[in-house]
C-alpha atoms as a PDB file:
ATOM      1  CA  MET A   1      33.276  79.077-118.568  1.00  0.00           C
ATOM      2  CA  THR A   2      36.621  77.412-117.994  1.00  0.00           C
ATOM      3  CA  LYS A   3      37.867  74.723-120.328  1.00  0.00           C
ATOM      4  CA  GLU A   4      37.150  71.227-119.077  1.00  0.00           C
ATOM      5  CA  LEU A   5      40.250  69.393-117.883  1.00  0.00           C
ATOM      6  CA  ALA A   6      41.631  66.784-120.248  1.00  0.00           C
ATOM      7  CA  ILE A   7      44.159  63.982-119.907  1.00  0.00           C
ATOM      8  CA  GLY A   8      47.659  65.429-120.246  1.00  0.00           C
ATOM      9  CA  ASP A   9      46.680  68.852-118.849  1.00  0.00           C
ATOM     10  CA  GLN A  10      48.584  70.305-115.924  1.00  0.00           C
ATOM     11  CA  ALA A  11      46.393  69.654-112.870  1.00  0.00           C
ATOM     12  CA  PRO A  12      45.152  72.871-111.238  1.00  0.00           C
ATOM     13  CA  GLU A  13      47.126  73.664-108.081  1.00  0.00           C
ATOM     14  CA  LEU A  14      45.166  73.336-104.912  1.00  0.00           C
ATOM     15  CA  SER A  15      45.865  74.768-101.533  1.00  0.00           C
ATOM     16  CA  ILE A  16      43.171  73.977 -99.018  1.00  0.00           C
ATOM     17  CA  LEU A  17      42.976  72.699 -95.481  1.00  0.00           C
ATOM     18  CA  ASP A  18      42.605  69.089 -94.457  1.00  0.00           C
ATOM     19  CA  GLN A  19      40.492  67.801 -91.573  1.00  0.00           C
ATOM     20  CA  ASP A  20      43.112  68.995 -89.070  1.00  0.00           C
ATOM     21  CA  GLY A  21      43.479  72.490 -90.522  1.00  0.00           C
ATOM     22  CA  LYS A  22      46.802  71.669 -92.226  1.00  0.00           C
ATOM     23  CA  PRO A  23      47.250  73.110 -95.733  1.00  0.00           C
ATOM     24  CA  VAL A  24      47.583  70.557 -98.529  1.00  0.00           C
ATOM     25  CA  THR A  25      48.981  71.474-101.952  1.00  0.00           C
ATOM     26  CA  LEU A  26      49.632  69.422-105.070  1.00  0.00           C
ATOM     27  CA  LYS A  27      53.235  70.638-104.950  1.00  0.00           C
ATOM     28  CA  SER A  28      53.640  68.970-101.550  1.00  0.00           C
ATOM     29  CA  LEU A  29      52.544  65.668-103.138  1.00  0.00           C
ATOM     30  CA  LYS A  30      54.825  65.912-106.202  1.00  0.00           C
ATOM     31  CA  GLY A  31      56.699  62.730-106.947  1.00  0.00           C
ATOM     32  CA  LYS A  32      53.646  60.622-106.101  1.00  0.00           C
ATOM     33  CA  GLN A  33      50.625  59.829-108.194  1.00  0.00           C
ATOM     34  CA  VAL A  34      47.625  61.468-106.572  1.00  0.00           C
ATOM     35  CA  VAL A  35      44.132  59.994-106.522  1.00  0.00           C
ATOM     36  CA  LEU A  36      42.064  63.137-106.033  1.00  0.00           C
ATOM     37  CA  TYR A  37      38.452  62.165-105.507  1.00  0.00           C
ATOM     38  CA  PHE A  38      35.625  64.655-105.195  1.00  0.00           C
ATOM     39  CA  TYR A  39      32.487  63.466-103.432  1.00  0.00           C
ATOM     40  CA  PRO A  40      29.230  65.243-102.530  1.00  0.00           C
ATOM     41  CA  LYS A  41      28.853  64.803 -98.754  1.00  0.00           C
ATOM     42  CA  ASP A  42      30.425  63.151 -95.693  1.00  0.00           C
ATOM     43  CA  ASP A  43      28.621  60.160 -94.197  1.00  0.00           C
ATOM     44  CA  THR A  44      26.009  59.701 -96.935  1.00  0.00           C
ATOM     45  CA  PRO A  45      25.475  56.221 -98.423  1.00  0.00           C
ATOM     46  CA  GLY A  46      27.303  56.557-101.774  1.00  0.00           C
ATOM     47  CA  CYS A  47      30.104  58.707-100.391  1.00  0.00           C
ATOM     48  CA  THR A  48      30.638  56.338 -97.471  1.00  0.00           C
ATOM     49  CA  ARG A  49      30.839  53.314 -99.800  1.00  0.00           C
ATOM     50  CA  GLU A  50      33.262  55.136-102.112  1.00  0.00           C
ATOM     51  CA  SER A  51      35.486  56.312 -99.232  1.00  0.00           C
ATOM     52  CA  CYS A  52      35.506  52.852 -97.627  1.00  0.00           C
ATOM     53  CA  ASP A  53      36.387  51.250-100.997  1.00  0.00           C
ATOM     54  CA  PHE A  54      39.355  53.619-101.269  1.00  0.00           C
ATOM     55  CA  ARG A  55      40.254  52.796 -97.647  1.00  0.00           C
ATOM     56  CA  ASP A  56      40.152  49.080 -98.468  1.00  0.00           C
ATOM     57  CA  THR A  57      42.356  49.437-101.587  1.00  0.00           C
ATOM     58  CA  GLU A  58      44.720  52.028-100.074  1.00  0.00           C
ATOM     59  CA  SER A  59      47.624  49.597 -99.595  1.00  0.00           C
ATOM     60  CA  GLN A  60      47.396  48.499-103.270  1.00  0.00           C
ATOM     61  CA  ILE A  61      47.151  52.141-104.381  1.00  0.00           C
ATOM     62  CA  MET A  62      50.231  53.000-102.295  1.00  0.00           C
ATOM     63  CA  ARG A  63      52.135  50.024-103.777  1.00  0.00           C
ATOM     64  CA  ALA A  64      51.267  51.445-107.224  1.00  0.00           C
ATOM     65  CA  GLY A  65      52.918  54.732-106.151  1.00  0.00           C
ATOM     66  CA  GLY A  66      49.671  56.527-105.376  1.00  0.00           C
ATOM     67  CA  THR A  67      48.311  58.557-102.517  1.00  0.00           C
ATOM     68  CA  ILE A  68      44.603  59.251-101.888  1.00  0.00           C
ATOM     69  CA  VAL A  69      43.058  62.633-101.129  1.00  0.00           C
ATOM     70  CA  GLY A  70      39.308  63.184-100.776  1.00  0.00           C
ATOM     71  CA  VAL A  71      37.593  66.539-101.334  1.00  0.00           C
ATOM     72  CA  SER A  72      34.098  67.738-100.447  1.00  0.00           C
ATOM     73  CA  LEU A  73      32.409  70.966 -99.467  1.00  0.00           C
ATOM     74  CA  ASP A  74      32.113  69.759 -95.851  1.00  0.00           C
ATOM     75  CA  GLY A  75      33.991  71.491 -93.036  1.00  0.00           C
ATOM     76  CA  GLN A  76      36.863  70.143 -90.967  1.00  0.00           C
ATOM     77  CA  GLU A  77      34.693  68.983 -88.059  1.00  0.00           C
ATOM     78  CA  SER A  78      32.470  66.956 -90.400  1.00  0.00           C
ATOM     79  CA  HIS A  79      35.565  65.402 -92.010  1.00  0.00           C
ATOM     80  CA  GLN A  80      37.031  64.513 -88.600  1.00  0.00           C
ATOM     81  CA  LYS A  81      33.831  62.665 -87.637  1.00  0.00           C
ATOM     82  CA  PHE A  82      33.667  60.887 -91.017  1.00  0.00           C
ATOM     83  CA  ILE A  83      37.326  59.776 -90.780  1.00  0.00           C
ATOM     84  CA  LYS A  84      36.888  58.556 -87.199  1.00  0.00           C
ATOM     85  CA  LYS A  85      33.611  56.727 -87.879  1.00  0.00           C
ATOM     86  CA  PHE A  86      35.002  54.754 -90.832  1.00  0.00           C
ATOM     87  CA  GLY A  87      38.747  54.624 -90.056  1.00  0.00           C
ATOM     88  CA  LEU A  88      39.738  56.501 -93.203  1.00  0.00           C
ATOM     89  CA  PRO A  89      43.562  56.596 -93.439  1.00  0.00           C
ATOM     90  CA  PHE A  90      43.875  59.494 -95.910  1.00  0.00           C
ATOM     91  CA  PRO A  91      43.232  63.244 -95.676  1.00  0.00           C
ATOM     92  CA  LEU A  92      39.880  64.810 -96.522  1.00  0.00           C
ATOM     93  CA  LEU A  93      40.062  68.395 -97.729  1.00  0.00           C
ATOM     94  CA  SER A  94      37.482  71.063 -96.907  1.00  0.00           C
ATOM     95  CA  ASP A  95      36.614  72.926-100.101  1.00  0.00           C
ATOM     96  CA  GLU A  96      34.005  75.104 -98.393  1.00  0.00           C
ATOM     97  CA  SER A  97      34.390  77.919-100.948  1.00  0.00           C
ATOM     98  CA  ALA A  98      34.151  75.367-103.819  1.00  0.00           C
ATOM     99  CA  ALA A  99      37.231  77.012-105.405  1.00  0.00           C
ATOM    100  CA  VAL A 100      39.041  73.709-105.997  1.00  0.00           C
ATOM    101  CA  SER A 101      35.851  71.951-107.141  1.00  0.00           C
ATOM    102  CA  LYS A 102      35.309  74.754-109.661  1.00  0.00           C
ATOM    103  CA  ALA A 103      38.949  74.585-110.857  1.00  0.00           C
ATOM    104  CA  TYR A 104      38.475  70.869-111.569  1.00  0.00           C
ATOM    105  CA  GLY A 105      35.075  71.411-113.183  1.00  0.00           C
ATOM    106  CA  VAL A 106      33.145  69.228-110.743  1.00  0.00           C
ATOM    107  CA  TYR A 107      31.002  71.939-109.107  1.00  0.00           C
ATOM    108  CA  LYS A 108      27.769  71.569-111.053  1.00  0.00           C
ATOM    109  CA  GLU A 109      24.122  72.470-110.930  1.00  0.00           C
ATOM    110  CA  LYS A 110      22.256  69.394-109.743  1.00  0.00           C
ATOM    111  CA  ASN A 111      18.622  68.487-109.583  1.00  0.00           C
ATOM    112  CA  MET A 112      17.036  66.421-106.815  1.00  0.00           C
ATOM    113  CA  TYR A 113      13.305  65.918-106.505  1.00  0.00           C
ATOM    114  CA  GLY A 114      12.738  68.890-108.798  1.00  0.00           C
ATOM    115  CA  LYS A 115      14.905  71.247-106.724  1.00  0.00           C
ATOM    116  CA  LYS A 116      17.976  72.731-108.365  1.00  0.00           C
ATOM    117  CA  TYR A 117      21.097  73.307-106.277  1.00  0.00           C
ATOM    118  CA  TRP A 118      24.877  73.499-106.715  1.00  0.00           C
ATOM    119  CA  GLY A 119      27.119  70.708-105.505  1.00  0.00           C
ATOM    120  CA  ILE A 120      29.917  68.311-106.347  1.00  0.00           C
ATOM    121  CA  GLU A 121      29.529  65.828-109.177  1.00  0.00           C
ATOM    122  CA  ARG A 122      31.255  62.640-107.976  1.00  0.00           C
ATOM    123  CA  SER A 123      34.534  62.635-109.916  1.00  0.00           C
ATOM    124  CA  THR A 124      38.074  61.300-109.568  1.00  0.00           C
ATOM    125  CA  PHE A 125      41.290  62.568-111.105  1.00  0.00           C
ATOM    126  CA  VAL A 126      44.504  60.578-111.208  1.00  0.00           C
ATOM    127  CA  ILE A 127      47.426  63.016-111.321  1.00  0.00           C
ATOM    128  CA  ASP A 128      50.863  61.713-112.253  1.00  0.00           C
ATOM    129  CA  ALA A 129      54.109  62.380-110.391  1.00  0.00           C
ATOM    130  CA  GLU A 130      54.765  65.402-112.652  1.00  0.00           C
ATOM    131  CA  GLY A 131      51.418  67.017-111.796  1.00  0.00           C
ATOM    132  CA  LYS A 132      49.695  66.170-115.090  1.00  0.00           C
ATOM    133  CA  VAL A 133      46.203  64.658-115.342  1.00  0.00           C
ATOM    134  CA  LYS A 134      46.628  60.952-116.125  1.00  0.00           C
ATOM    135  CA  ALA A 135      43.005  59.753-115.858  1.00  0.00           C
ATOM    136  CA  ILE A 136      39.592  61.344-115.356  1.00  0.00           C
ATOM    137  CA  PHE A 137      36.465  59.657-114.057  1.00  0.00           C
ATOM    138  CA  ARG A 138      33.317  61.800-114.161  1.00  0.00           C
ATOM    139  CA  LYS A 139      29.828  60.977-112.850  1.00  0.00           C
ATOM    140  CA  VAL A 140      31.423  58.089-110.974  1.00  0.00           C
ATOM    141  CA  LYS A 141      29.412  54.977-110.212  1.00  0.00           C
ATOM    142  CA  VAL A 142      30.716  53.830-106.835  1.00  0.00           C
ATOM    143  CA  ASP A 143      30.692  50.053-107.393  1.00  0.00           C
ATOM    144  CA  GLY A 144      34.063  48.936-108.771  1.00  0.00           C
ATOM    145  CA  HIS A 145      35.412  52.498-108.928  1.00  0.00           C
ATOM    146  CA  ALA A 146      38.407  51.948-106.619  1.00  0.00           C
ATOM    147  CA  ASP A 147      39.508  49.074-108.888  1.00  0.00           C
ATOM    148  CA  GLU A 148      39.201  51.288-112.005  1.00  0.00           C
ATOM    149  CA  VAL A 149      41.376  53.897-110.295  1.00  0.00           C
ATOM    150  CA  LEU A 150      43.947  51.260-109.303  1.00  0.00           C
ATOM    151  CA  ALA A 151      44.119  50.074-112.935  1.00  0.00           C
ATOM    152  CA  ALA A 152      44.625  53.684-114.092  1.00  0.00           C
ATOM    153  CA  LEU A 153      47.481  54.144-111.587  1.00  0.00           C
ATOM    154  CA  LYS A 154      49.237  51.066-112.943  1.00  0.00           C
ATOM    155  CA  ALA A 155      48.719  52.039-116.611  1.00  0.00           C
END
């Protein structure tokens, strides 16, 4: 069992492909604050609301020195459709092996209607310009979350 990430920890490096097959790494985003949000599934009600809230606050997040990156277990084609359908202006990363989700401790056993399965627990990490974890939101409730993240960026 890996130690759960804490504020002040070095954020685990990631190197996975975005919706267009381009590799994205934390190193490539150094110098910016990164809003790294993990969500369970493209084009499902909660994930759509969360992604659209981030879309709608993106200009404020950018003014606060942040950049948004979404991560789910969905493949590139699914991400492309999701981005197109809702006009999402930020990259969505395909963590199909769940390696990044595991590194951030968000790949969890879940239970729905009595069936157990593994998936992403909705979580957001704010990573500072030096690559350290600045804020952690676990078991995110979608309503008001983008505003909480914006406040954390400005803190």
